[in-house]
N, C-alpha and C. Protein backbone atom coordinates (compact mmCIF):
# COMPACT_ATOMS: atom_id res chain seq x y z
N MET A 1 -4.26 33.71 -17.22
CA MET A 1 -4.98 33.97 -18.43
C MET A 1 -5.22 35.48 -18.62
N LYS A 2 -5.57 36.11 -17.48
CA LYS A 2 -5.83 37.54 -17.51
C LYS A 2 -4.53 38.31 -17.85
N GLN A 3 -3.40 37.81 -17.36
CA GLN A 3 -2.12 38.47 -17.65
C GLN A 3 -1.77 38.35 -19.10
N LYS A 4 -2.08 37.20 -19.75
CA LYS A 4 -1.80 37.03 -21.16
C LYS A 4 -2.62 38.02 -22.00
N ASN A 5 -3.88 38.19 -21.61
CA ASN A 5 -4.74 39.12 -22.36
C ASN A 5 -4.23 40.54 -22.18
N ASN A 6 -3.83 40.89 -20.97
CA ASN A 6 -3.30 42.24 -20.75
C ASN A 6 -2.02 42.45 -21.58
N LEU A 7 -1.15 41.44 -21.62
CA LEU A 7 0.08 41.53 -22.41
C LEU A 7 -0.26 41.71 -23.91
N LYS A 8 -1.21 40.94 -24.38
CA LYS A 8 -1.62 41.08 -25.79
C LYS A 8 -2.18 42.45 -26.09
N LEU A 9 -2.96 42.97 -25.17
CA LEU A 9 -3.55 44.31 -25.35
C LEU A 9 -2.44 45.38 -25.39
N VAL A 10 -1.50 45.23 -24.47
CA VAL A 10 -0.40 46.22 -24.46
C VAL A 10 0.43 46.14 -25.75
N LEU A 11 0.72 44.94 -26.23
CA LEU A 11 1.45 44.78 -27.49
C LEU A 11 0.68 45.33 -28.66
N LEU A 12 -0.63 45.07 -28.67
CA LEU A 12 -1.45 45.64 -29.75
C LEU A 12 -1.47 47.15 -29.74
N MET A 13 -1.52 47.71 -28.53
CA MET A 13 -1.52 49.17 -28.42
C MET A 13 -0.15 49.73 -28.89
N LEU A 14 0.95 49.09 -28.54
CA LEU A 14 2.25 49.51 -29.01
C LEU A 14 2.39 49.47 -30.51
N VAL A 15 1.89 48.40 -31.10
CA VAL A 15 1.91 48.25 -32.56
C VAL A 15 1.11 49.41 -33.20
N GLY A 16 -0.05 49.73 -32.61
CA GLY A 16 -0.88 50.83 -33.11
C GLY A 16 -0.19 52.18 -33.01
N VAL A 17 0.50 52.39 -31.90
CA VAL A 17 1.25 53.64 -31.70
C VAL A 17 2.35 53.77 -32.74
N PHE A 18 3.10 52.74 -32.96
CA PHE A 18 4.22 52.77 -33.93
C PHE A 18 3.70 52.88 -35.35
N ALA A 19 2.58 52.26 -35.61
CA ALA A 19 2.05 52.29 -36.99
C ALA A 19 1.55 53.71 -37.38
N PHE A 20 1.05 54.44 -36.42
CA PHE A 20 0.49 55.77 -36.74
C PHE A 20 1.44 56.93 -36.36
N SER A 21 2.64 56.60 -35.96
CA SER A 21 3.60 57.65 -35.62
C SER A 21 4.69 57.83 -36.69
N CYS A 22 4.34 57.59 -37.92
CA CYS A 22 5.27 57.77 -39.04
C CYS A 22 5.58 59.23 -39.21
N ALA A 23 6.67 59.50 -39.91
CA ALA A 23 7.06 60.89 -40.19
C ALA A 23 6.00 61.56 -41.03
N LYS A 24 5.75 62.78 -40.70
CA LYS A 24 4.74 63.59 -41.43
C LYS A 24 5.40 64.20 -42.67
N GLU A 25 4.55 64.67 -43.59
CA GLU A 25 5.08 65.31 -44.76
C GLU A 25 5.72 66.65 -44.40
N ARG A 26 6.84 66.95 -45.06
CA ARG A 26 7.55 68.19 -44.87
C ARG A 26 7.26 69.07 -46.06
N SER A 27 6.73 70.24 -45.82
CA SER A 27 6.44 71.17 -46.91
C SER A 27 7.75 71.67 -47.50
N PRO A 28 7.78 71.81 -48.82
CA PRO A 28 9.03 72.24 -49.49
C PRO A 28 9.25 73.75 -49.42
N SER A 29 10.54 74.08 -49.38
CA SER A 29 10.98 75.49 -49.46
C SER A 29 11.82 75.64 -50.73
N LEU A 30 11.61 76.71 -51.46
CA LEU A 30 12.35 77.00 -52.66
C LEU A 30 13.25 78.20 -52.45
N HIS A 31 14.57 78.01 -52.57
CA HIS A 31 15.53 79.05 -52.41
C HIS A 31 16.10 79.42 -53.82
N ILE A 32 15.79 80.63 -54.24
CA ILE A 32 16.22 81.11 -55.56
C ILE A 32 17.41 82.06 -55.38
N THR A 33 18.47 81.84 -56.13
CA THR A 33 19.60 82.79 -56.21
C THR A 33 19.60 83.36 -57.61
N VAL A 34 19.63 84.71 -57.72
CA VAL A 34 19.61 85.34 -59.00
C VAL A 34 20.98 86.00 -59.25
N ILE A 35 21.58 85.70 -60.38
CA ILE A 35 22.86 86.29 -60.76
C ILE A 35 22.73 86.87 -62.16
N ASP A 36 23.53 87.90 -62.45
CA ASP A 36 23.53 88.45 -63.81
C ASP A 36 24.51 87.65 -64.69
N GLU A 37 24.68 88.09 -65.92
CA GLU A 37 25.50 87.33 -66.88
C GLU A 37 26.97 87.27 -66.49
N GLN A 38 27.42 88.17 -65.60
CA GLN A 38 28.81 88.16 -65.13
C GLN A 38 28.95 87.38 -63.81
N GLY A 39 27.89 86.83 -63.29
CA GLY A 39 27.93 86.08 -62.03
C GLY A 39 27.76 86.90 -60.81
N VAL A 40 27.38 88.16 -60.93
CA VAL A 40 27.20 89.07 -59.80
C VAL A 40 25.79 88.91 -59.27
N PRO A 41 25.60 88.75 -57.95
CA PRO A 41 24.26 88.64 -57.37
C PRO A 41 23.39 89.86 -57.73
N ALA A 42 22.16 89.60 -58.10
CA ALA A 42 21.22 90.65 -58.50
C ALA A 42 20.36 91.05 -57.35
N SER A 43 20.77 92.09 -56.64
CA SER A 43 20.04 92.61 -55.50
C SER A 43 18.85 93.44 -55.97
N GLY A 44 17.67 93.16 -55.42
CA GLY A 44 16.48 93.93 -55.79
C GLY A 44 15.73 93.37 -56.97
N ALA A 45 16.04 92.18 -57.41
CA ALA A 45 15.33 91.57 -58.54
C ALA A 45 13.96 91.07 -58.10
N THR A 46 12.98 91.17 -58.94
CA THR A 46 11.63 90.68 -58.63
C THR A 46 11.53 89.23 -59.14
N VAL A 47 11.16 88.34 -58.24
CA VAL A 47 11.07 86.90 -58.55
C VAL A 47 9.60 86.46 -58.40
N HIS A 48 9.08 85.81 -59.40
CA HIS A 48 7.68 85.32 -59.40
C HIS A 48 7.70 83.81 -59.63
N ALA A 49 7.27 83.02 -58.66
CA ALA A 49 7.17 81.56 -58.74
C ALA A 49 5.70 81.21 -58.79
N TRP A 50 5.29 80.46 -59.79
CA TRP A 50 3.86 80.15 -59.96
C TRP A 50 3.68 78.90 -60.77
N PRO A 51 2.56 78.20 -60.58
CA PRO A 51 2.31 76.98 -61.37
C PRO A 51 1.83 77.36 -62.76
N GLY A 52 2.76 77.55 -63.67
CA GLY A 52 2.44 78.03 -65.02
C GLY A 52 2.00 76.94 -65.96
N ASP A 53 2.13 77.21 -67.23
CA ASP A 53 1.68 76.27 -68.26
C ASP A 53 2.49 74.97 -68.24
N ASN A 54 3.70 75.00 -67.66
CA ASN A 54 4.54 73.78 -67.62
C ASN A 54 4.12 72.85 -66.51
N ALA A 55 3.21 73.23 -65.64
CA ALA A 55 2.75 72.39 -64.57
C ALA A 55 1.82 71.33 -65.14
N LEU A 56 2.18 70.08 -64.89
CA LEU A 56 1.37 68.98 -65.39
C LEU A 56 0.20 68.72 -64.45
N GLY A 57 -0.97 68.60 -64.98
CA GLY A 57 -2.15 68.36 -64.18
C GLY A 57 -2.58 69.59 -63.42
N GLY A 58 -3.54 69.44 -62.50
CA GLY A 58 -4.02 70.57 -61.76
C GLY A 58 -3.20 70.79 -60.52
N THR A 59 -3.22 72.01 -60.03
CA THR A 59 -2.55 72.35 -58.80
C THR A 59 -3.61 72.48 -57.76
N VAL A 60 -3.33 71.98 -56.53
CA VAL A 60 -4.36 71.90 -55.49
C VAL A 60 -4.93 73.30 -55.15
N ASN A 61 -4.06 74.25 -54.85
CA ASN A 61 -4.51 75.58 -54.44
C ASN A 61 -3.58 76.59 -55.11
N GLU A 62 -3.98 77.07 -56.27
CA GLU A 62 -3.10 77.96 -57.04
C GLU A 62 -2.81 79.26 -56.32
N ALA A 63 -3.74 79.75 -55.52
CA ALA A 63 -3.49 81.01 -54.79
C ALA A 63 -2.32 80.88 -53.83
N GLU A 64 -2.24 79.72 -53.15
CA GLU A 64 -1.14 79.52 -52.21
C GLU A 64 0.17 79.16 -52.91
N MET A 65 0.11 78.78 -54.17
CA MET A 65 1.31 78.41 -54.91
C MET A 65 1.88 79.57 -55.72
N ASP A 66 1.19 80.67 -55.77
CA ASP A 66 1.61 81.84 -56.58
C ASP A 66 2.34 82.81 -55.61
N LYS A 67 3.65 82.92 -55.73
CA LYS A 67 4.43 83.74 -54.81
C LYS A 67 5.33 84.71 -55.57
N THR A 68 5.47 85.90 -54.98
CA THR A 68 6.35 86.94 -55.55
C THR A 68 7.19 87.51 -54.41
N GLY A 69 8.47 87.74 -54.72
CA GLY A 69 9.39 88.33 -53.71
C GLY A 69 10.51 89.09 -54.38
N VAL A 70 11.27 89.78 -53.58
CA VAL A 70 12.42 90.58 -54.03
C VAL A 70 13.69 90.03 -53.41
N THR A 71 14.73 89.93 -54.23
CA THR A 71 15.99 89.36 -53.71
C THR A 71 16.68 90.33 -52.75
N ASP A 72 17.43 89.74 -51.81
CA ASP A 72 18.18 90.54 -50.85
C ASP A 72 19.52 90.94 -51.43
N LEU A 73 20.40 91.48 -50.62
CA LEU A 73 21.72 91.96 -51.11
C LEU A 73 22.57 90.87 -51.72
N SER A 74 22.35 89.62 -51.30
CA SER A 74 23.11 88.52 -51.85
C SER A 74 22.40 87.86 -53.04
N GLY A 75 21.34 88.47 -53.52
CA GLY A 75 20.61 87.93 -54.68
C GLY A 75 19.73 86.74 -54.36
N LYS A 76 19.30 86.57 -53.13
CA LYS A 76 18.53 85.39 -52.73
C LYS A 76 17.14 85.76 -52.25
N VAL A 77 16.21 84.86 -52.52
CA VAL A 77 14.82 84.99 -52.03
C VAL A 77 14.34 83.57 -51.74
N THR A 78 13.49 83.41 -50.69
CA THR A 78 12.99 82.12 -50.30
C THR A 78 11.46 82.11 -50.29
N PHE A 79 10.90 81.02 -50.81
CA PHE A 79 9.44 80.83 -50.78
C PHE A 79 9.15 79.51 -50.11
N ASP A 80 8.10 79.48 -49.27
CA ASP A 80 7.63 78.25 -48.61
C ASP A 80 6.30 77.86 -49.27
N PHE A 81 6.21 76.58 -49.61
CA PHE A 81 4.99 76.06 -50.24
C PHE A 81 4.43 74.95 -49.39
N LYS A 82 3.12 74.67 -49.59
CA LYS A 82 2.49 73.58 -48.83
C LYS A 82 2.41 72.27 -49.63
N PHE A 83 2.54 72.37 -50.95
CA PHE A 83 2.31 71.22 -51.81
C PHE A 83 3.45 70.99 -52.79
N SER A 84 3.49 69.80 -53.36
CA SER A 84 4.41 69.51 -54.45
C SER A 84 3.89 70.19 -55.72
N ALA A 85 4.80 70.65 -56.56
CA ALA A 85 4.36 71.32 -57.82
C ALA A 85 5.52 71.45 -58.78
N VAL A 86 5.15 71.66 -60.03
CA VAL A 86 6.10 72.09 -61.05
C VAL A 86 5.83 73.60 -61.22
N LEU A 87 6.86 74.40 -61.02
CA LEU A 87 6.68 75.87 -60.97
C LEU A 87 7.47 76.54 -62.05
N ASP A 88 6.94 77.60 -62.62
CA ASP A 88 7.66 78.52 -63.48
C ASP A 88 8.24 79.59 -62.56
N VAL A 89 9.51 79.91 -62.76
CA VAL A 89 10.15 80.99 -61.98
C VAL A 89 10.55 82.06 -62.99
N ASP A 90 9.98 83.22 -62.89
CA ASP A 90 10.31 84.33 -63.76
C ASP A 90 11.00 85.42 -62.93
N VAL A 91 12.04 86.01 -63.51
CA VAL A 91 12.81 87.06 -62.79
C VAL A 91 12.93 88.28 -63.71
N VAL A 92 12.71 89.46 -63.11
CA VAL A 92 12.93 90.72 -63.84
C VAL A 92 13.84 91.56 -62.94
N TYR A 93 14.87 92.14 -63.58
CA TYR A 93 15.85 92.93 -62.86
C TYR A 93 16.20 94.16 -63.64
N TYR A 94 16.13 95.32 -62.97
CA TYR A 94 16.48 96.59 -63.60
C TYR A 94 17.82 97.01 -63.02
N ARG A 95 18.89 96.96 -63.80
CA ARG A 95 20.21 97.30 -63.33
C ARG A 95 20.56 98.70 -63.83
N THR A 96 20.91 99.55 -62.87
CA THR A 96 21.27 100.94 -63.22
C THR A 96 22.81 101.08 -63.01
N THR A 97 23.45 101.56 -64.06
CA THR A 97 24.92 101.81 -63.98
C THR A 97 25.17 103.26 -64.43
N GLN A 98 26.27 103.80 -63.95
CA GLN A 98 26.65 105.13 -64.34
C GLN A 98 27.76 105.08 -65.36
N VAL A 99 27.59 105.84 -66.45
CA VAL A 99 28.59 105.88 -67.50
C VAL A 99 28.99 107.35 -67.68
N VAL A 100 30.20 107.53 -68.23
CA VAL A 100 30.70 108.89 -68.47
C VAL A 100 30.13 109.40 -69.79
N GLY A 101 29.56 110.59 -69.73
CA GLY A 101 29.06 111.23 -70.96
C GLY A 101 29.61 112.64 -71.03
N TYR A 102 29.38 113.31 -72.10
CA TYR A 102 29.88 114.66 -72.32
C TYR A 102 28.73 115.57 -72.68
N ASP A 103 28.71 116.71 -72.06
CA ASP A 103 27.72 117.74 -72.34
C ASP A 103 28.49 118.92 -72.98
N SER A 104 28.06 119.31 -74.15
CA SER A 104 28.76 120.40 -74.82
C SER A 104 27.74 121.31 -75.51
N ILE A 105 28.26 122.43 -75.92
CA ILE A 105 27.44 123.40 -76.67
C ILE A 105 27.84 123.33 -78.12
N TYR A 106 26.89 123.23 -78.98
CA TYR A 106 27.14 123.13 -80.43
C TYR A 106 27.14 124.50 -81.02
N ASP A 107 28.19 124.80 -81.72
CA ASP A 107 28.33 126.09 -82.42
C ASP A 107 27.88 125.91 -83.86
N PRO A 108 26.73 126.50 -84.22
CA PRO A 108 26.21 126.27 -85.60
C PRO A 108 27.07 126.92 -86.69
N ILE A 109 27.87 127.88 -86.34
CA ILE A 109 28.69 128.56 -87.38
C ILE A 109 29.87 127.67 -87.76
N THR A 110 30.57 127.16 -86.75
CA THR A 110 31.77 126.36 -87.04
C THR A 110 31.40 124.85 -87.20
N GLY A 111 30.26 124.50 -86.66
CA GLY A 111 29.87 123.08 -86.72
C GLY A 111 30.59 122.21 -85.72
N LEU A 112 31.21 122.83 -84.73
CA LEU A 112 31.99 122.10 -83.72
C LEU A 112 31.36 122.25 -82.36
N ALA A 113 31.61 121.27 -81.54
CA ALA A 113 31.14 121.30 -80.17
C ALA A 113 32.19 122.07 -79.35
N THR A 114 31.72 122.96 -78.52
CA THR A 114 32.63 123.73 -77.66
C THR A 114 32.25 123.56 -76.23
N GLY A 115 33.22 123.72 -75.35
CA GLY A 115 32.98 123.67 -73.93
C GLY A 115 32.48 122.35 -73.43
N ALA A 116 33.07 121.24 -73.87
CA ALA A 116 32.61 119.90 -73.44
C ALA A 116 32.88 119.72 -71.95
N THR A 117 31.86 119.24 -71.25
CA THR A 117 31.93 118.98 -69.82
C THR A 117 31.63 117.52 -69.59
N GLN A 118 32.47 116.88 -68.78
CA GLN A 118 32.29 115.48 -68.49
C GLN A 118 31.20 115.35 -67.40
N ILE A 119 30.20 114.45 -67.67
CA ILE A 119 29.12 114.24 -66.71
C ILE A 119 28.89 112.74 -66.58
N LEU A 120 28.24 112.35 -65.44
CA LEU A 120 27.86 110.95 -65.24
C LEU A 120 26.39 110.81 -65.64
N VAL A 121 26.13 109.77 -66.44
CA VAL A 121 24.77 109.53 -66.93
C VAL A 121 24.34 108.18 -66.43
N ASP A 122 23.11 108.05 -65.89
CA ASP A 122 22.56 106.75 -65.47
C ASP A 122 21.97 106.03 -66.65
N GLU A 123 22.37 104.76 -66.81
CA GLU A 123 21.80 103.88 -67.80
C GLU A 123 21.15 102.75 -67.10
N THR A 124 19.91 102.39 -67.53
CA THR A 124 19.17 101.31 -66.90
C THR A 124 19.00 100.19 -67.95
N ASP A 125 19.44 98.99 -67.56
CA ASP A 125 19.25 97.81 -68.38
C ASP A 125 18.15 96.94 -67.75
N SER A 126 17.34 96.37 -68.62
CA SER A 126 16.31 95.45 -68.17
C SER A 126 16.75 94.04 -68.46
N LEU A 127 16.96 93.20 -67.44
CA LEU A 127 17.38 91.82 -67.60
C LEU A 127 16.28 90.92 -67.10
N SER A 128 16.21 89.73 -67.69
CA SER A 128 15.20 88.79 -67.25
C SER A 128 15.74 87.36 -67.28
N GLY A 129 15.07 86.46 -66.58
CA GLY A 129 15.43 85.06 -66.56
C GLY A 129 14.23 84.19 -66.30
N HIS A 130 14.33 82.94 -66.67
CA HIS A 130 13.23 81.99 -66.52
C HIS A 130 13.77 80.60 -66.23
N LYS A 131 13.09 79.88 -65.36
CA LYS A 131 13.47 78.52 -65.06
C LYS A 131 12.24 77.73 -64.61
N VAL A 132 12.15 76.47 -64.95
CA VAL A 132 11.11 75.58 -64.51
C VAL A 132 11.71 74.68 -63.45
N VAL A 133 11.06 74.60 -62.25
CA VAL A 133 11.57 73.81 -61.13
C VAL A 133 10.47 72.90 -60.63
N LYS A 134 10.88 71.79 -60.05
CA LYS A 134 9.94 70.83 -59.45
C LYS A 134 10.26 70.74 -57.98
N ILE A 135 9.23 70.94 -57.15
CA ILE A 135 9.43 70.78 -55.69
C ILE A 135 8.45 69.74 -55.25
N GLU A 136 8.81 69.01 -54.18
CA GLU A 136 7.97 67.93 -53.70
C GLU A 136 7.86 67.96 -52.16
N SER A 137 6.69 67.59 -51.68
CA SER A 137 6.54 67.32 -50.24
C SER A 137 7.07 65.93 -50.01
N LEU A 138 7.87 65.77 -49.00
CA LEU A 138 8.50 64.49 -48.72
C LEU A 138 8.09 63.97 -47.38
N ARG A 139 7.88 62.67 -47.27
CA ARG A 139 7.67 62.02 -46.00
C ARG A 139 9.08 61.60 -45.51
N GLN A 140 9.56 62.32 -44.50
CA GLN A 140 10.91 62.01 -44.08
C GLN A 140 11.07 62.39 -42.60
N LYS A 141 12.13 61.90 -42.01
CA LYS A 141 12.39 62.22 -40.63
C LYS A 141 13.13 63.51 -40.46
N SER A 142 13.94 63.89 -41.44
CA SER A 142 14.71 65.14 -41.34
C SER A 142 13.81 66.31 -41.66
N THR A 143 14.17 67.48 -41.15
CA THR A 143 13.35 68.68 -41.41
C THR A 143 13.78 69.38 -42.69
N ASP A 144 14.83 68.88 -43.35
CA ASP A 144 15.35 69.53 -44.55
C ASP A 144 14.61 69.10 -45.78
N ASN A 145 13.82 69.99 -46.35
CA ASN A 145 13.13 69.75 -47.59
C ASN A 145 13.28 71.00 -48.45
N ASP A 146 14.53 71.40 -48.67
CA ASP A 146 14.80 72.64 -49.38
C ASP A 146 15.30 72.37 -50.77
N TYR A 147 14.81 73.18 -51.70
CA TYR A 147 15.23 73.11 -53.09
C TYR A 147 15.92 74.42 -53.44
N SER A 148 17.16 74.30 -53.90
CA SER A 148 17.92 75.51 -54.24
C SER A 148 18.13 75.59 -55.76
N GLU A 149 17.80 76.71 -56.35
CA GLU A 149 17.97 76.88 -57.79
C GLU A 149 18.61 78.25 -58.05
N THR A 150 19.37 78.31 -59.12
CA THR A 150 20.00 79.57 -59.55
C THR A 150 19.43 79.97 -60.91
N VAL A 151 19.05 81.23 -61.01
CA VAL A 151 18.54 81.76 -62.27
C VAL A 151 19.54 82.80 -62.76
N THR A 152 20.01 82.60 -64.00
CA THR A 152 20.97 83.54 -64.58
C THR A 152 20.24 84.48 -65.53
N LEU A 153 20.45 85.77 -65.29
CA LEU A 153 19.76 86.82 -66.11
C LEU A 153 20.47 87.04 -67.40
N LYS A 154 19.71 87.40 -68.40
CA LYS A 154 20.27 87.70 -69.74
C LYS A 154 19.71 89.02 -70.24
């Protein structure tokens, strides 16, 4: 009789261990790739992910959900979040290119430019992009809970 009670106790303990050893929630990671209109990665772009006006309902901790980062040489930036959310992703990128210009002296008597010299001039374009993304905390056995999004600048 005592052995049956011990067996029942052991089985009950095993059921309790299995019932409470479920997979824990995995916090989501958001991987943003930023490209310009020609498909070139935008290195040095500022990316801001935050629970904006498109987020339905309240966000648990807005301070922890508001992230800003700068893209690396491949145009990528990663943010780790603790909660599920609908996020606005805003990107600003200042692209500087060099163009050929001419520097010359204007002759007021003849009305012609004289002594034109070819020079390189820096031009800066301001590009931006926006995307709304949804990330979720998942109860799963795998450690992969990554969300990858691409934002194209215009």
